[in-house]
Amino acid sequence: MTGMSDVRLTLYQQELLEIRDGSVASRGPQENRWRQFWRRVRTRKQLLELSDEQLRDIGVSREQARLEAMRPFWRC
């Protein structure tokens, strides 16, 4: 498994925990889409701000981080 997959699994785990705890289920589908959009924007921006050492820790190269951060928001 690549480092990028590990990052995605962590994000999906957070989403699943929110669903399990009911914090997402109580919202409408439109609000869930906006939350997902903003989460992607925020996490992709944070990925660009990681140092080389932090990227190495999660097994992601600078180029992989750049490619992930540049993905359109509508793509997982």
N, C-alpha and C. Protein backbone atom coordinates (compact mmCIF):
# COMPACT_ATOMS: atom_id res chain seq x y z
N MET A 1 0.85 -1.18 0.00
CA MET A 1 0.00 0.00 0.00
C MET A 1 0.90 1.24 0.00
N THR A 2 0.57 2.22 -0.80
CA THR A 2 1.38 3.44 -0.87
C THR A 2 1.05 4.36 0.29
N GLY A 3 1.92 5.31 0.52
CA GLY A 3 1.69 6.29 1.57
C GLY A 3 0.43 7.10 1.33
N MET A 4 0.15 7.42 0.07
CA MET A 4 -1.04 8.21 -0.24
C MET A 4 -2.30 7.44 0.16
N SER A 5 -2.30 6.14 -0.03
CA SER A 5 -3.45 5.34 0.37
C SER A 5 -3.63 5.38 1.88
N ASP A 6 -2.53 5.39 2.62
CA ASP A 6 -2.61 5.48 4.07
C ASP A 6 -3.27 6.79 4.49
N VAL A 7 -2.92 7.87 3.83
CA VAL A 7 -3.52 9.17 4.15
C VAL A 7 -5.01 9.13 3.86
N ARG A 8 -5.39 8.58 2.72
CA ARG A 8 -6.81 8.49 2.38
C ARG A 8 -7.56 7.63 3.38
N LEU A 9 -6.95 6.52 3.79
CA LEU A 9 -7.60 5.66 4.77
C LEU A 9 -7.84 6.40 6.07
N THR A 10 -6.90 7.22 6.49
CA THR A 10 -7.07 8.00 7.71
C THR A 10 -8.23 8.96 7.57
N LEU A 11 -8.34 9.63 6.42
CA LEU A 11 -9.44 10.57 6.20
C LEU A 11 -10.77 9.84 6.15
N TYR A 12 -10.81 8.69 5.48
CA TYR A 12 -12.05 7.92 5.42
C TYR A 12 -12.44 7.43 6.82
N GLN A 13 -11.46 7.07 7.61
CA GLN A 13 -11.74 6.63 8.98
C GLN A 13 -12.40 7.75 9.76
N GLN A 14 -11.92 8.98 9.60
CA GLN A 14 -12.53 10.11 10.29
C GLN A 14 -13.98 10.29 9.85
N GLU A 15 -14.23 10.16 8.54
CA GLU A 15 -15.59 10.30 8.04
C GLU A 15 -16.49 9.20 8.59
N LEU A 16 -15.98 7.98 8.64
CA LEU A 16 -16.77 6.87 9.17
C LEU A 16 -17.08 7.06 10.65
N LEU A 17 -16.13 7.58 11.40
CA LEU A 17 -16.38 7.84 12.81
C LEU A 17 -17.46 8.90 12.99
N GLU A 18 -17.46 9.92 12.14
CA GLU A 18 -18.50 10.95 12.21
C GLU A 18 -19.87 10.34 11.91
N ILE A 19 -19.92 9.46 10.92
CA ILE A 19 -21.19 8.81 10.57
C ILE A 19 -21.66 7.94 11.74
N ARG A 20 -20.73 7.17 12.31
CA ARG A 20 -21.07 6.29 13.41
C ARG A 20 -21.58 7.08 14.62
N ASP A 21 -20.95 8.21 14.90
CA ASP A 21 -21.33 9.02 16.05
C ASP A 21 -22.61 9.82 15.80
N GLY A 22 -23.09 9.82 14.56
CA GLY A 22 -24.33 10.52 14.25
C GLY A 22 -24.15 11.97 13.91
N SER A 23 -22.93 12.48 13.92
CA SER A 23 -22.75 13.89 13.64
C SER A 23 -23.00 14.21 12.17
N VAL A 24 -22.84 13.24 11.28
CA VAL A 24 -23.10 13.46 9.86
C VAL A 24 -24.53 13.07 9.51
N ALA A 25 -25.04 12.02 10.11
CA ALA A 25 -26.38 11.52 9.78
C ALA A 25 -27.47 12.55 10.03
N SER A 26 -27.27 13.43 11.00
CA SER A 26 -28.29 14.40 11.33
C SER A 26 -28.33 15.57 10.34
N ARG A 27 -27.36 15.65 9.46
CA ARG A 27 -27.32 16.73 8.48
C ARG A 27 -27.94 16.27 7.18
N GLY A 28 -28.36 17.22 6.38
CA GLY A 28 -28.90 16.89 5.07
C GLY A 28 -27.79 16.53 4.10
N PRO A 29 -28.15 15.91 2.98
CA PRO A 29 -27.13 15.49 2.01
C PRO A 29 -26.35 16.66 1.43
N GLN A 30 -26.98 17.80 1.25
CA GLN A 30 -26.28 18.96 0.70
C GLN A 30 -25.20 19.45 1.66
N GLU A 31 -25.52 19.49 2.94
CA GLU A 31 -24.54 19.93 3.93
C GLU A 31 -23.37 18.94 4.01
N ASN A 32 -23.67 17.65 3.88
CA ASN A 32 -22.60 16.65 3.90
C ASN A 32 -21.65 16.86 2.73
N ARG A 33 -22.18 17.20 1.57
CA ARG A 33 -21.33 17.46 0.40
C ARG A 33 -20.42 18.66 0.64
N TRP A 34 -20.96 19.71 1.25
CA TRP A 34 -20.14 20.90 1.54
C TRP A 34 -19.06 20.58 2.55
N ARG A 35 -19.41 19.79 3.57
CA ARG A 35 -18.41 19.41 4.56
C ARG A 35 -17.30 18.60 3.90
N GLN A 36 -17.68 17.70 3.02
CA GLN A 36 -16.69 16.90 2.32
C GLN A 36 -15.83 17.78 1.42
N PHE A 37 -16.43 18.72 0.71
CA PHE A 37 -15.69 19.65 -0.13
C PHE A 37 -14.66 20.41 0.69
N TRP A 38 -15.09 21.01 1.80
CA TRP A 38 -14.17 21.81 2.61
C TRP A 38 -13.10 20.95 3.27
N ARG A 39 -13.44 19.71 3.63
CA ARG A 39 -12.42 18.81 4.19
C ARG A 39 -11.34 18.53 3.15
N ARG A 40 -11.77 18.29 1.91
CA ARG A 40 -10.79 18.04 0.84
C ARG A 40 -9.91 19.26 0.60
N VAL A 41 -10.52 20.43 0.56
CA VAL A 41 -9.75 21.66 0.36
C VAL A 41 -8.73 21.81 1.49
N ARG A 42 -9.20 21.66 2.72
CA ARG A 42 -8.33 21.86 3.89
C ARG A 42 -7.21 20.82 3.94
N THR A 43 -7.53 19.54 3.75
CA THR A 43 -6.50 18.52 3.89
C THR A 43 -5.50 18.55 2.75
N ARG A 44 -5.96 18.90 1.56
CA ARG A 44 -5.02 19.01 0.44
C ARG A 44 -4.09 20.20 0.63
N LYS A 45 -4.60 21.28 1.18
CA LYS A 45 -3.74 22.43 1.47
C LYS A 45 -2.73 22.06 2.56
N GLN A 46 -3.18 21.36 3.58
CA GLN A 46 -2.27 20.94 4.65
C GLN A 46 -1.19 20.01 4.13
N LEU A 47 -1.52 19.18 3.17
CA LEU A 47 -0.55 18.27 2.58
C LEU A 47 0.60 19.06 1.95
N LEU A 48 0.28 20.18 1.31
CA LEU A 48 1.32 21.01 0.70
C LEU A 48 2.20 21.68 1.75
N GLU A 49 1.66 21.88 2.93
CA GLU A 49 2.40 22.59 3.98
C GLU A 49 3.30 21.67 4.81
N LEU A 50 3.22 20.35 4.59
CA LEU A 50 4.05 19.42 5.35
C LEU A 50 5.51 19.55 4.94
N SER A 51 6.39 19.38 5.91
CA SER A 51 7.82 19.41 5.62
C SER A 51 8.23 18.10 4.94
N ASP A 52 9.43 18.09 4.38
CA ASP A 52 9.93 16.87 3.74
C ASP A 52 10.00 15.71 4.75
N GLU A 53 10.37 16.03 5.97
CA GLU A 53 10.45 15.00 7.00
C GLU A 53 9.08 14.42 7.32
N GLN A 54 8.08 15.28 7.43
CA GLN A 54 6.72 14.82 7.70
C GLN A 54 6.18 13.97 6.54
N LEU A 55 6.48 14.39 5.32
CA LEU A 55 6.05 13.60 4.16
C LEU A 55 6.73 12.24 4.16
N ARG A 56 8.01 12.19 4.51
CA ARG A 56 8.72 10.92 4.60
C ARG A 56 8.07 10.02 5.65
N ASP A 57 7.63 10.61 6.77
CA ASP A 57 6.99 9.84 7.84
C ASP A 57 5.73 9.13 7.35
N ILE A 58 4.99 9.76 6.46
CA ILE A 58 3.75 9.13 5.97
C ILE A 58 3.97 8.41 4.64
N GLY A 59 5.21 8.40 4.16
CA GLY A 59 5.55 7.64 2.96
C GLY A 59 5.10 8.28 1.67
N VAL A 60 5.13 9.61 1.63
CA VAL A 60 4.68 10.35 0.46
C VAL A 60 5.82 11.24 -0.02
N SER A 61 6.06 11.24 -1.31
CA SER A 61 7.09 12.12 -1.86
C SER A 61 6.50 13.52 -2.05
N ARG A 62 7.36 14.49 -2.23
CA ARG A 62 6.91 15.87 -2.47
C ARG A 62 6.05 15.90 -3.75
N GLU A 63 6.46 15.16 -4.76
CA GLU A 63 5.72 15.13 -6.01
C GLU A 63 4.33 14.50 -5.82
N GLN A 64 4.24 13.42 -5.06
CA GLN A 64 2.94 12.80 -4.79
C GLN A 64 2.04 13.77 -4.04
N ALA A 65 2.60 14.49 -3.08
CA ALA A 65 1.81 15.47 -2.32
C ALA A 65 1.30 16.57 -3.23
N ARG A 66 2.16 17.03 -4.12
CA ARG A 66 1.76 18.09 -5.05
C ARG A 66 0.64 17.60 -5.97
N LEU A 67 0.79 16.39 -6.51
CA LEU A 67 -0.24 15.85 -7.39
C LEU A 67 -1.58 15.67 -6.67
N GLU A 68 -1.53 15.18 -5.44
CA GLU A 68 -2.76 14.99 -4.65
C GLU A 68 -3.41 16.34 -4.36
N ALA A 69 -2.62 17.33 -4.02
CA ALA A 69 -3.15 18.64 -3.68
C ALA A 69 -3.76 19.35 -4.87
N MET A 70 -3.28 19.04 -6.07
CA MET A 70 -3.77 19.70 -7.27
C MET A 70 -5.00 19.01 -7.88
N ARG A 71 -5.42 17.89 -7.30
CA ARG A 71 -6.59 17.19 -7.82
C ARG A 71 -7.83 18.05 -7.66
N PRO A 72 -8.76 17.97 -8.60
CA PRO A 72 -10.00 18.73 -8.47
C PRO A 72 -10.78 18.28 -7.22
N PHE A 73 -11.50 19.19 -6.62
CA PHE A 73 -12.20 18.91 -5.37
C PHE A 73 -13.25 17.82 -5.50
N TRP A 74 -13.76 17.61 -6.72
CA TRP A 74 -14.81 16.61 -6.88
C TRP A 74 -14.26 15.20 -7.00
N ARG A 75 -12.95 15.05 -7.03
CA ARG A 75 -12.35 13.72 -7.10
C ARG A 75 -11.84 13.30 -5.73
N CYS A 76 -12.12 12.04 -5.38
CA CYS A 76 -11.67 11.50 -4.09
C CYS A 76 -10.18 11.25 -4.11
